[in-house]
């Protein structure tokens, strides 16, 4: 949407008031970021060439204040939502605080889960990155490279690609 509006504005064949209204609607609907909105508003005003199209200074200031009021309302709604989330979450006890029934002992690290090796499908993110581990053909392997698409233990795949992890 942003690029389409920018193209129209560069052509300089538009009614400024209509264009400002459309830009504002796209921003309010979430189709434009704040930065894109401000850039397009400025570009629309700069490229307005026909006499009488450019909004007067008072209209521009009025529009700024309207936008500030809308932003203020959005901020208030977000603050209320955050407070409601805080209230619904309650308090979380510190498991290491003896006064809250905890202990000074450190929390044990979760056990590492090692997935079975899968060949990359050629689409999307490559699962096996430097340091990731997998099991394949009854052995555990650790990738030694980024974006590893090689099969662990296959012919010609040496320890500089996959390193076998030997557990004692």
N, C-alpha and C. Protein backbone atom coordinates (compact mmCIF):
# COMPACT_ATOMS: atom_id res chain seq x y z
N UNK A 1 0.82 -1.18 0.00
CA UNK A 1 0.00 0.00 0.00
C UNK A 1 0.88 1.26 0.00
N UNK A 2 1.89 1.23 0.84
CA UNK A 2 2.81 2.36 0.97
C UNK A 2 3.38 2.75 -0.39
N UNK A 3 3.88 1.75 -1.13
CA UNK A 3 4.52 2.03 -2.42
C UNK A 3 3.52 2.56 -3.43
N UNK A 4 2.29 2.04 -3.41
CA UNK A 4 1.25 2.51 -4.33
C UNK A 4 0.93 3.97 -4.08
N UNK A 5 0.77 4.34 -2.84
CA UNK A 5 0.47 5.74 -2.50
C UNK A 5 1.63 6.63 -2.92
N UNK A 6 2.84 6.18 -2.67
CA UNK A 6 4.02 6.96 -3.03
C UNK A 6 4.09 7.19 -4.54
N UNK A 7 3.70 6.17 -5.31
CA UNK A 7 3.68 6.30 -6.77
C UNK A 7 2.67 7.35 -7.21
N UNK A 8 1.48 7.31 -6.61
CA UNK A 8 0.45 8.30 -6.95
C UNK A 8 0.95 9.70 -6.60
N UNK A 9 1.57 9.85 -5.44
CA UNK A 9 2.05 11.17 -5.02
C UNK A 9 3.15 11.68 -5.94
N UNK A 10 3.99 10.79 -6.44
CA UNK A 10 5.07 11.25 -7.33
C UNK A 10 4.51 11.72 -8.68
N UNK A 11 3.30 11.22 -9.05
CA UNK A 11 2.67 11.66 -10.29
C UNK A 11 2.04 13.03 -10.17
N UNK A 12 1.84 13.50 -8.95
CA UNK A 12 1.32 14.84 -8.66
C UNK A 12 -0.06 15.12 -9.24
N UNK A 13 -0.83 14.07 -9.52
CA UNK A 13 -2.19 14.27 -10.06
C UNK A 13 -3.18 13.70 -9.05
N UNK A 14 -3.44 14.45 -8.00
CA UNK A 14 -4.36 14.01 -6.96
C UNK A 14 -4.93 15.22 -6.25
N UNK A 15 -6.07 14.99 -5.59
CA UNK A 15 -6.66 16.01 -4.75
C UNK A 15 -6.05 15.87 -3.37
N UNK A 16 -5.43 16.91 -2.89
CA UNK A 16 -4.68 16.83 -1.65
C UNK A 16 -5.55 16.39 -0.48
N UNK A 17 -6.71 17.00 -0.31
CA UNK A 17 -7.56 16.67 0.84
C UNK A 17 -7.97 15.20 0.80
N UNK A 18 -8.35 14.72 -0.39
CA UNK A 18 -8.72 13.30 -0.52
C UNK A 18 -7.53 12.41 -0.18
N UNK A 19 -6.37 12.76 -0.69
CA UNK A 19 -5.19 11.94 -0.46
C UNK A 19 -4.80 11.93 1.02
N UNK A 20 -4.86 13.09 1.68
CA UNK A 20 -4.54 13.14 3.11
C UNK A 20 -5.51 12.27 3.91
N UNK A 21 -6.78 12.29 3.54
CA UNK A 21 -7.77 11.46 4.22
C UNK A 21 -7.46 9.98 4.01
N UNK A 22 -7.12 9.59 2.79
CA UNK A 22 -6.81 8.19 2.49
C UNK A 22 -5.57 7.73 3.25
N UNK A 23 -4.55 8.56 3.27
CA UNK A 23 -3.32 8.21 3.98
C UNK A 23 -3.63 7.99 5.46
N UNK A 24 -4.44 8.88 6.01
CA UNK A 24 -4.80 8.77 7.43
C UNK A 24 -5.57 7.48 7.69
N UNK A 25 -6.51 7.13 6.81
CA UNK A 25 -7.28 5.90 6.97
C UNK A 25 -6.39 4.66 6.90
N UNK A 26 -5.45 4.65 5.96
CA UNK A 26 -4.54 3.51 5.86
C UNK A 26 -3.67 3.40 7.10
N UNK A 27 -3.28 4.52 7.66
CA UNK A 27 -2.46 4.51 8.88
C UNK A 27 -3.29 3.98 10.04
N UNK A 28 -4.52 4.47 10.19
CA UNK A 28 -5.37 4.05 11.30
C UNK A 28 -5.73 2.57 11.20
N UNK A 29 -5.83 2.05 9.98
CA UNK A 29 -6.17 0.64 9.82
C UNK A 29 -4.94 -0.26 10.00
N UNK A 30 -3.76 0.34 10.17
CA UNK A 30 -2.56 -0.45 10.41
C UNK A 30 -1.82 -0.85 9.15
N UNK A 31 -2.23 -0.33 7.99
CA UNK A 31 -1.55 -0.67 6.74
C UNK A 31 -0.28 0.13 6.52
N UNK A 32 -0.08 1.17 7.33
CA UNK A 32 1.14 1.99 7.24
C UNK A 32 1.74 2.11 8.62
N UNK A 33 3.07 2.16 8.68
CA UNK A 33 3.74 2.45 9.94
C UNK A 33 3.67 3.95 10.19
N UNK A 34 4.00 4.36 11.40
CA UNK A 34 4.00 5.78 11.73
C UNK A 34 4.97 6.55 10.84
N UNK A 35 6.14 5.96 10.61
CA UNK A 35 7.15 6.61 9.77
C UNK A 35 6.65 6.75 8.33
N UNK A 36 6.02 5.70 7.81
CA UNK A 36 5.49 5.77 6.45
C UNK A 36 4.38 6.82 6.36
N UNK A 37 3.52 6.85 7.38
CA UNK A 37 2.42 7.82 7.42
C UNK A 37 2.98 9.24 7.35
N UNK A 38 3.96 9.55 8.21
CA UNK A 38 4.52 10.90 8.23
C UNK A 38 5.21 11.24 6.91
N UNK A 39 5.93 10.27 6.35
CA UNK A 39 6.60 10.50 5.07
C UNK A 39 5.58 10.81 3.97
N UNK A 40 4.50 10.05 3.92
CA UNK A 40 3.50 10.25 2.87
C UNK A 40 2.75 11.56 3.05
N UNK A 41 2.44 11.94 4.28
CA UNK A 41 1.77 13.22 4.53
C UNK A 41 2.66 14.36 4.04
N UNK A 42 3.94 14.31 4.38
CA UNK A 42 4.87 15.36 3.94
C UNK A 42 5.00 15.37 2.42
N UNK A 43 5.10 14.19 1.82
CA UNK A 43 5.24 14.10 0.36
C UNK A 43 3.98 14.62 -0.34
N UNK A 44 2.81 14.30 0.22
CA UNK A 44 1.55 14.78 -0.36
C UNK A 44 1.50 16.30 -0.34
N UNK A 45 1.89 16.91 0.75
CA UNK A 45 1.89 18.36 0.85
C UNK A 45 2.94 19.00 -0.07
N UNK A 46 4.11 18.37 -0.15
CA UNK A 46 5.18 18.92 -0.99
C UNK A 46 4.84 18.85 -2.47
N UNK A 47 4.18 17.75 -2.89
CA UNK A 47 3.92 17.54 -4.31
C UNK A 47 2.60 18.14 -4.80
N UNK A 48 1.81 18.68 -3.90
CA UNK A 48 0.54 19.30 -4.32
C UNK A 48 0.87 20.53 -5.15
N UNK A 49 0.46 20.53 -6.42
CA UNK A 49 0.88 21.59 -7.33
C UNK A 49 -0.23 22.54 -7.74
N UNK A 50 -1.46 22.09 -7.75
CA UNK A 50 -2.56 22.94 -8.21
C UNK A 50 -2.91 23.93 -7.10
N UNK A 51 -3.09 25.19 -7.47
CA UNK A 51 -3.43 26.21 -6.46
C UNK A 51 -4.69 25.82 -5.71
N UNK A 52 -4.67 26.06 -4.43
CA UNK A 52 -5.83 25.78 -3.61
C UNK A 52 -5.88 24.36 -3.08
N UNK A 53 -5.03 23.47 -3.57
CA UNK A 53 -5.05 22.10 -3.07
C UNK A 53 -4.33 21.97 -1.74
N UNK A 54 -3.26 22.68 -1.61
CA UNK A 54 -2.45 22.52 -0.41
C UNK A 54 -3.22 23.02 0.79
N UNK A 55 -3.27 22.21 1.82
CA UNK A 55 -3.98 22.60 3.03
C UNK A 55 -3.31 23.82 3.64
N UNK A 56 -4.11 24.71 4.15
CA UNK A 56 -3.58 25.89 4.80
C UNK A 56 -2.88 25.52 6.10
N UNK A 57 -2.08 26.44 6.61
CA UNK A 57 -1.31 26.19 7.82
C UNK A 57 -2.24 25.82 8.98
N UNK A 58 -3.37 26.51 9.10
CA UNK A 58 -4.30 26.22 10.19
C UNK A 58 -4.87 24.81 10.07
N UNK A 59 -5.19 24.40 8.84
CA UNK A 59 -5.70 23.04 8.63
C UNK A 59 -4.63 22.00 8.97
N UNK A 60 -3.40 22.28 8.59
CA UNK A 60 -2.32 21.34 8.88
C UNK A 60 -2.11 21.21 10.39
N UNK A 61 -2.15 22.34 11.09
CA UNK A 61 -1.97 22.31 12.55
C UNK A 61 -3.14 21.58 13.19
N UNK A 62 -4.35 21.83 12.70
CA UNK A 62 -5.53 21.15 13.22
C UNK A 62 -5.41 19.63 13.03
N UNK A 63 -4.93 19.22 11.86
CA UNK A 63 -4.76 17.79 11.59
C UNK A 63 -3.73 17.18 12.53
N UNK A 64 -2.68 17.93 12.83
CA UNK A 64 -1.65 17.44 13.76
C UNK A 64 -2.25 17.22 15.13
N UNK A 65 -3.05 18.17 15.59
CA UNK A 65 -3.67 18.02 16.91
C UNK A 65 -4.66 16.87 16.94
N UNK A 66 -5.39 16.65 15.85
CA UNK A 66 -6.30 15.51 15.79
C UNK A 66 -5.50 14.20 15.92
N UNK A 67 -4.38 14.15 15.21
CA UNK A 67 -3.54 12.95 15.28
C UNK A 67 -2.99 12.75 16.68
N UNK A 68 -2.61 13.83 17.34
CA UNK A 68 -2.10 13.72 18.70
C UNK A 68 -3.18 13.20 19.65
N UNK A 69 -4.42 13.68 19.45
CA UNK A 69 -5.52 13.21 20.29
C UNK A 69 -5.76 11.71 20.08
N UNK A 70 -5.73 11.28 18.81
CA UNK A 70 -5.91 9.86 18.52
C UNK A 70 -4.79 9.03 19.13
N UNK A 71 -3.57 9.50 19.02
CA UNK A 71 -2.44 8.79 19.62
C UNK A 71 -2.58 8.71 21.13
N UNK A 72 -3.00 9.79 21.74
CA UNK A 72 -3.20 9.82 23.19
C UNK A 72 -4.24 8.80 23.61
N UNK A 73 -5.35 8.72 22.86
CA UNK A 73 -6.39 7.73 23.16
C UNK A 73 -5.85 6.31 23.02
N UNK A 74 -5.08 6.06 21.97
CA UNK A 74 -4.49 4.72 21.78
C UNK A 74 -3.55 4.37 22.93
N UNK A 75 -2.75 5.34 23.36
CA UNK A 75 -1.82 5.10 24.47
C UNK A 75 -2.58 4.76 25.74
N UNK A 76 -3.65 5.50 26.01
CA UNK A 76 -4.46 5.23 27.21
C UNK A 76 -5.06 3.83 27.15
N UNK A 77 -5.56 3.42 25.98
CA UNK A 77 -6.13 2.09 25.83
C UNK A 77 -5.07 1.02 26.06
N UNK A 78 -3.87 1.26 25.54
CA UNK A 78 -2.78 0.29 25.72
C UNK A 78 -2.36 0.20 27.19
N UNK A 79 -2.31 1.34 27.87
CA UNK A 79 -1.96 1.34 29.30
C UNK A 79 -2.98 0.56 30.10
N UNK A 80 -4.26 0.72 29.78
CA UNK A 80 -5.31 -0.03 30.48
C UNK A 80 -5.14 -1.53 30.22
N UNK A 81 -4.87 -1.89 28.97
CA UNK A 81 -4.69 -3.30 28.62
C UNK A 81 -3.49 -3.90 29.36
N UNK A 82 -2.40 -3.14 29.45
CA UNK A 82 -1.21 -3.63 30.15
C UNK A 82 -1.51 -3.82 31.63
N UNK A 83 -2.22 -2.86 32.24
CA UNK A 83 -2.59 -2.99 33.65
C UNK A 83 -3.46 -4.22 33.89
N UNK A 84 -4.41 -4.47 32.98
CA UNK A 84 -5.27 -5.65 33.10
C UNK A 84 -4.45 -6.93 33.00
N UNK A 85 -3.48 -6.95 32.11
CA UNK A 85 -2.62 -8.13 31.99
C UNK A 85 -1.80 -8.34 33.25
N UNK A 86 -1.28 -7.25 33.80
CA UNK A 86 -0.51 -7.36 35.04
C UNK A 86 -1.38 -7.91 36.16
N UNK A 87 -2.62 -7.40 36.27
CA UNK A 87 -3.53 -7.84 37.33
C UNK A 87 -3.89 -9.31 37.16
N UNK A 88 -4.11 -9.75 35.92
CA UNK A 88 -4.52 -11.13 35.70
C UNK A 88 -3.35 -12.09 35.88
N UNK A 89 -2.13 -11.61 35.72
CA UNK A 89 -0.96 -12.48 35.84
C UNK A 89 -0.65 -12.80 37.29
N UNK A 90 -0.99 -11.90 38.21
CA UNK A 90 -0.69 -12.12 39.61
C UNK A 90 0.79 -11.98 39.88
N UNK A 91 1.19 -12.47 41.04
CA UNK A 91 2.61 -12.36 41.40
C UNK A 91 3.26 -13.72 41.22
N UNK A 92 4.52 -13.70 40.93
CA UNK A 92 5.28 -14.92 40.74
C UNK A 92 6.28 -15.02 41.88
N UNK A 93 6.21 -16.14 42.60
CA UNK A 93 7.15 -16.34 43.70
C UNK A 93 8.53 -16.65 43.14
N UNK A 94 9.54 -16.23 43.89
CA UNK A 94 10.92 -16.52 43.53
C UNK A 94 11.27 -17.88 44.14
N UNK A 95 11.48 -18.92 43.31
CA UNK A 95 11.73 -20.25 43.86
C UNK A 95 13.04 -20.36 44.62
N UNK A 96 13.91 -19.37 44.51
CA UNK A 96 15.18 -19.43 45.23
C UNK A 96 15.14 -18.63 46.53
N UNK A 97 14.00 -17.95 46.83
CA UNK A 97 13.89 -17.14 48.03
C UNK A 97 13.37 -18.00 49.18
N UNK A 98 14.20 -18.26 50.21
CA UNK A 98 13.76 -19.09 51.34
C UNK A 98 12.53 -18.51 52.05
N UNK A 99 12.37 -17.19 52.07
CA UNK A 99 11.22 -16.57 52.73
C UNK A 99 9.92 -16.89 52.00
N UNK A 100 9.99 -17.27 50.73
CA UNK A 100 8.80 -17.62 49.96
C UNK A 100 8.67 -19.15 49.80
N UNK A 101 9.41 -19.88 50.64
CA UNK A 101 9.31 -21.34 50.61
C UNK A 101 10.26 -21.99 49.62
N UNK A 102 11.13 -21.21 49.00
CA UNK A 102 12.09 -21.77 48.06
C UNK A 102 13.37 -22.20 48.74
N UNK A 103 14.33 -22.60 47.94
CA UNK A 103 15.64 -22.99 48.46
C UNK A 103 16.71 -22.18 47.77
N UNK A 104 17.88 -22.21 48.35
CA UNK A 104 19.02 -21.51 47.75
C UNK A 104 19.67 -22.34 46.65
N UNK A 105 19.19 -23.59 46.47
CA UNK A 105 19.79 -24.46 45.47
C UNK A 105 19.43 -23.97 44.07
N UNK A 106 20.38 -24.02 43.16
CA UNK A 106 20.09 -23.56 41.79
C UNK A 106 19.06 -24.48 41.12
N UNK A 107 18.29 -23.89 40.23
CA UNK A 107 17.32 -24.65 39.46
C UNK A 107 18.07 -25.52 38.46
N UNK A 108 17.73 -26.80 38.38
CA UNK A 108 18.46 -27.67 37.44
C UNK A 108 18.20 -27.25 36.00
N UNK A 109 19.21 -27.41 35.18
CA UNK A 109 19.10 -27.10 33.75
C UNK A 109 18.17 -28.11 33.09
N UNK A 110 17.32 -27.66 32.18
CA UNK A 110 16.46 -28.64 31.49
C UNK A 110 17.32 -29.56 30.62
N UNK A 111 16.86 -30.81 30.51
CA UNK A 111 17.62 -31.76 29.70
C UNK A 111 17.53 -31.39 28.23
N UNK A 112 18.64 -31.56 27.55
CA UNK A 112 18.69 -31.24 26.12
C UNK A 112 17.96 -32.32 25.33
N UNK A 113 17.04 -31.87 24.47
CA UNK A 113 16.36 -32.83 23.60
C UNK A 113 17.07 -32.81 22.25
N UNK A 114 17.35 -33.99 21.77
CA UNK A 114 18.06 -34.12 20.50
C UNK A 114 17.11 -34.79 19.52
N UNK A 115 16.84 -34.10 18.42
CA UNK A 115 15.90 -34.59 17.42
C UNK A 115 16.57 -35.55 16.45
N UNK A 116 15.75 -36.37 15.82
CA UNK A 116 16.21 -37.25 14.75
C UNK A 116 16.53 -36.41 13.52
N UNK A 117 17.61 -36.72 12.83
CA UNK A 117 18.01 -35.96 11.64
C UNK A 117 16.94 -36.08 10.56
N UNK A 118 16.65 -34.95 9.90
CA UNK A 118 15.76 -34.91 8.74
C UNK A 118 16.49 -34.16 7.64
N UNK A 119 16.36 -34.64 6.44
CA UNK A 119 16.96 -33.94 5.30
C UNK A 119 16.21 -32.64 5.07
N UNK A 120 16.92 -31.62 4.66
CA UNK A 120 16.30 -30.33 4.34
C UNK A 120 15.45 -30.48 3.09
N UNK A 121 14.25 -29.94 3.13
CA UNK A 121 13.30 -30.08 2.01
C UNK A 121 13.61 -29.14 0.85
N UNK A 122 14.50 -28.19 1.07
CA UNK A 122 14.79 -27.20 0.04
C UNK A 122 13.95 -25.95 0.18
N UNK A 123 13.04 -25.96 1.15
CA UNK A 123 12.16 -24.82 1.38
C UNK A 123 12.29 -24.39 2.84
N UNK A 124 12.35 -23.09 3.06
CA UNK A 124 12.38 -22.58 4.43
C UNK A 124 13.76 -22.61 5.05
N UNK A 125 13.77 -22.43 6.35
CA UNK A 125 15.01 -22.36 7.12
C UNK A 125 15.65 -23.73 7.24
N UNK A 126 16.95 -23.75 7.15
CA UNK A 126 17.69 -25.00 7.33
C UNK A 126 17.80 -25.25 8.83
N UNK A 127 17.37 -26.42 9.25
CA UNK A 127 17.27 -26.77 10.66
C UNK A 127 18.62 -26.93 11.34
N UNK A 128 19.59 -27.45 10.66
CA UNK A 128 20.85 -27.83 11.27
C UNK A 128 21.87 -26.70 11.13
N UNK A 129 22.16 -26.06 12.24
CA UNK A 129 23.10 -24.96 12.29
C UNK A 129 24.32 -25.37 13.12
N UNK A 130 25.34 -24.55 13.13
CA UNK A 130 26.55 -24.83 13.89
C UNK A 130 26.20 -25.05 15.36
N UNK A 131 26.54 -26.24 15.88
CA UNK A 131 26.30 -26.55 17.29
C UNK A 131 25.01 -27.32 17.54
N UNK A 132 24.10 -27.41 16.56
CA UNK A 132 22.87 -28.18 16.78
C UNK A 132 23.20 -29.67 16.72
N UNK A 133 22.42 -30.45 17.48
CA UNK A 133 22.67 -31.89 17.56
C UNK A 133 21.48 -32.65 17.02
N UNK A 134 21.77 -33.86 16.54
CA UNK A 134 20.72 -34.75 16.07
C UNK A 134 21.16 -36.19 16.26
N UNK A 135 20.20 -37.11 16.10
CA UNK A 135 20.53 -38.53 16.08
C UNK A 135 20.27 -39.04 14.68
N UNK A 136 21.10 -39.99 14.26
CA UNK A 136 20.94 -40.58 12.92
C UNK A 136 21.66 -41.91 12.90
N UNK A 137 20.96 -42.95 12.46
CA UNK A 137 21.51 -44.31 12.39
C UNK A 137 22.11 -44.75 13.73
N UNK A 138 21.41 -44.44 14.83
CA UNK A 138 21.83 -44.89 16.15
C UNK A 138 22.98 -44.11 16.76
N UNK A 139 23.40 -43.02 16.14
CA UNK A 139 24.50 -42.22 16.67
C UNK A 139 24.03 -40.79 16.89
N UNK A 140 24.76 -40.07 17.74
CA UNK A 140 24.46 -38.66 17.99
C UNK A 140 25.51 -37.83 17.29
N UNK A 141 25.06 -36.75 16.64
CA UNK A 141 25.93 -35.92 15.83
C UNK A 141 25.77 -34.46 16.20
N UNK A 142 26.85 -33.68 16.02
CA UNK A 142 26.80 -32.23 16.22
C UNK A 142 27.29 -31.54 14.95
N UNK A 143 26.47 -30.60 14.47
CA UNK A 143 26.83 -29.87 13.25
C UNK A 143 28.02 -28.95 13.54
N UNK A 144 28.95 -28.91 12.62
CA UNK A 144 30.14 -28.07 12.76
C UNK A 144 30.09 -26.85 11.85
N UNK A 145 28.99 -26.71 11.08
CA UNK A 145 28.88 -25.60 10.13
C UNK A 145 27.47 -25.03 10.16
N UNK A 146 27.32 -23.80 9.66
CA UNK A 146 26.00 -23.19 9.50
C UNK A 146 25.31 -23.79 8.29
N UNK A 147 23.98 -23.78 8.31
CA UNK A 147 23.16 -24.21 7.17
C UNK A 147 23.60 -25.58 6.63
N UNK A 148 23.70 -26.53 7.53
CA UNK A 148 24.20 -27.87 7.22
C UNK A 148 23.09 -28.70 6.57
N UNK A 149 23.29 -29.08 5.32
CA UNK A 149 22.31 -29.90 4.61
C UNK A 149 22.81 -31.33 4.38
N UNK A 150 24.00 -31.63 4.87
CA UNK A 150 24.60 -32.94 4.62
C UNK A 150 24.05 -33.98 5.59
N UNK A 151 24.03 -35.25 5.15
CA UNK A 151 23.57 -36.35 6.01
C UNK A 151 24.71 -36.77 6.93
N UNK A 152 24.46 -36.82 8.24
CA UNK A 152 25.52 -37.24 9.17
C UNK A 152 25.97 -38.67 8.90
N UNK A 153 27.28 -38.87 8.86
CA UNK A 153 27.84 -40.20 8.67
C UNK A 153 27.86 -40.69 7.24
N UNK A 154 27.32 -39.93 6.30
CA UNK A 154 27.31 -40.36 4.90
C UNK A 154 28.72 -40.31 4.34
N UNK A 155 28.93 -41.04 3.26
CA UNK A 155 30.25 -41.09 2.62
C UNK A 155 30.67 -39.68 2.20
N UNK A 156 31.88 -39.30 2.55
CA UNK A 156 32.42 -38.00 2.17
C UNK A 156 32.04 -36.87 3.11
N UNK A 157 31.25 -37.16 4.14
CA UNK A 157 30.87 -36.14 5.11
C UNK A 157 31.77 -36.34 6.33
N UNK A 158 32.77 -35.49 6.43
CA UNK A 158 33.79 -35.66 7.45
C UNK A 158 33.47 -34.86 8.71
N UNK A 159 34.36 -34.96 9.71
CA UNK A 159 34.13 -34.30 11.00
C UNK A 159 34.12 -32.79 10.92
N UNK A 160 34.55 -32.21 9.81
CA UNK A 160 34.46 -30.76 9.67
C UNK A 160 33.03 -30.34 9.30
N UNK A 161 32.16 -31.32 8.99
CA UNK A 161 30.75 -31.06 8.69
C UNK A 161 29.87 -31.53 9.85
N UNK A 162 29.93 -32.81 10.18
CA UNK A 162 29.23 -33.40 11.30
C UNK A 162 30.24 -34.14 12.17
N UNK A 163 30.22 -33.90 13.45
CA UNK A 163 31.11 -34.60 14.39
C UNK A 163 30.27 -35.55 15.23
N UNK A 164 30.70 -36.81 15.28
CA UNK A 164 29.99 -37.77 16.10
C UNK A 164 30.25 -37.49 17.57
N UNK A 165 29.18 -37.46 18.35
CA UNK A 165 29.29 -37.24 19.79
C UNK A 165 29.29 -38.61 20.45
N UNK A 166 30.40 -38.93 21.11
CA UNK A 166 30.53 -40.23 21.77
C UNK A 166 30.24 -40.02 23.26
N UNK A 167 29.21 -40.70 23.77
CA UNK A 167 28.89 -40.59 25.20
C UNK A 167 29.51 -41.76 25.93
N UNK A 168 29.99 -41.48 27.10
CA UNK A 168 30.67 -42.52 27.87
C UNK A 168 29.77 -43.10 28.92
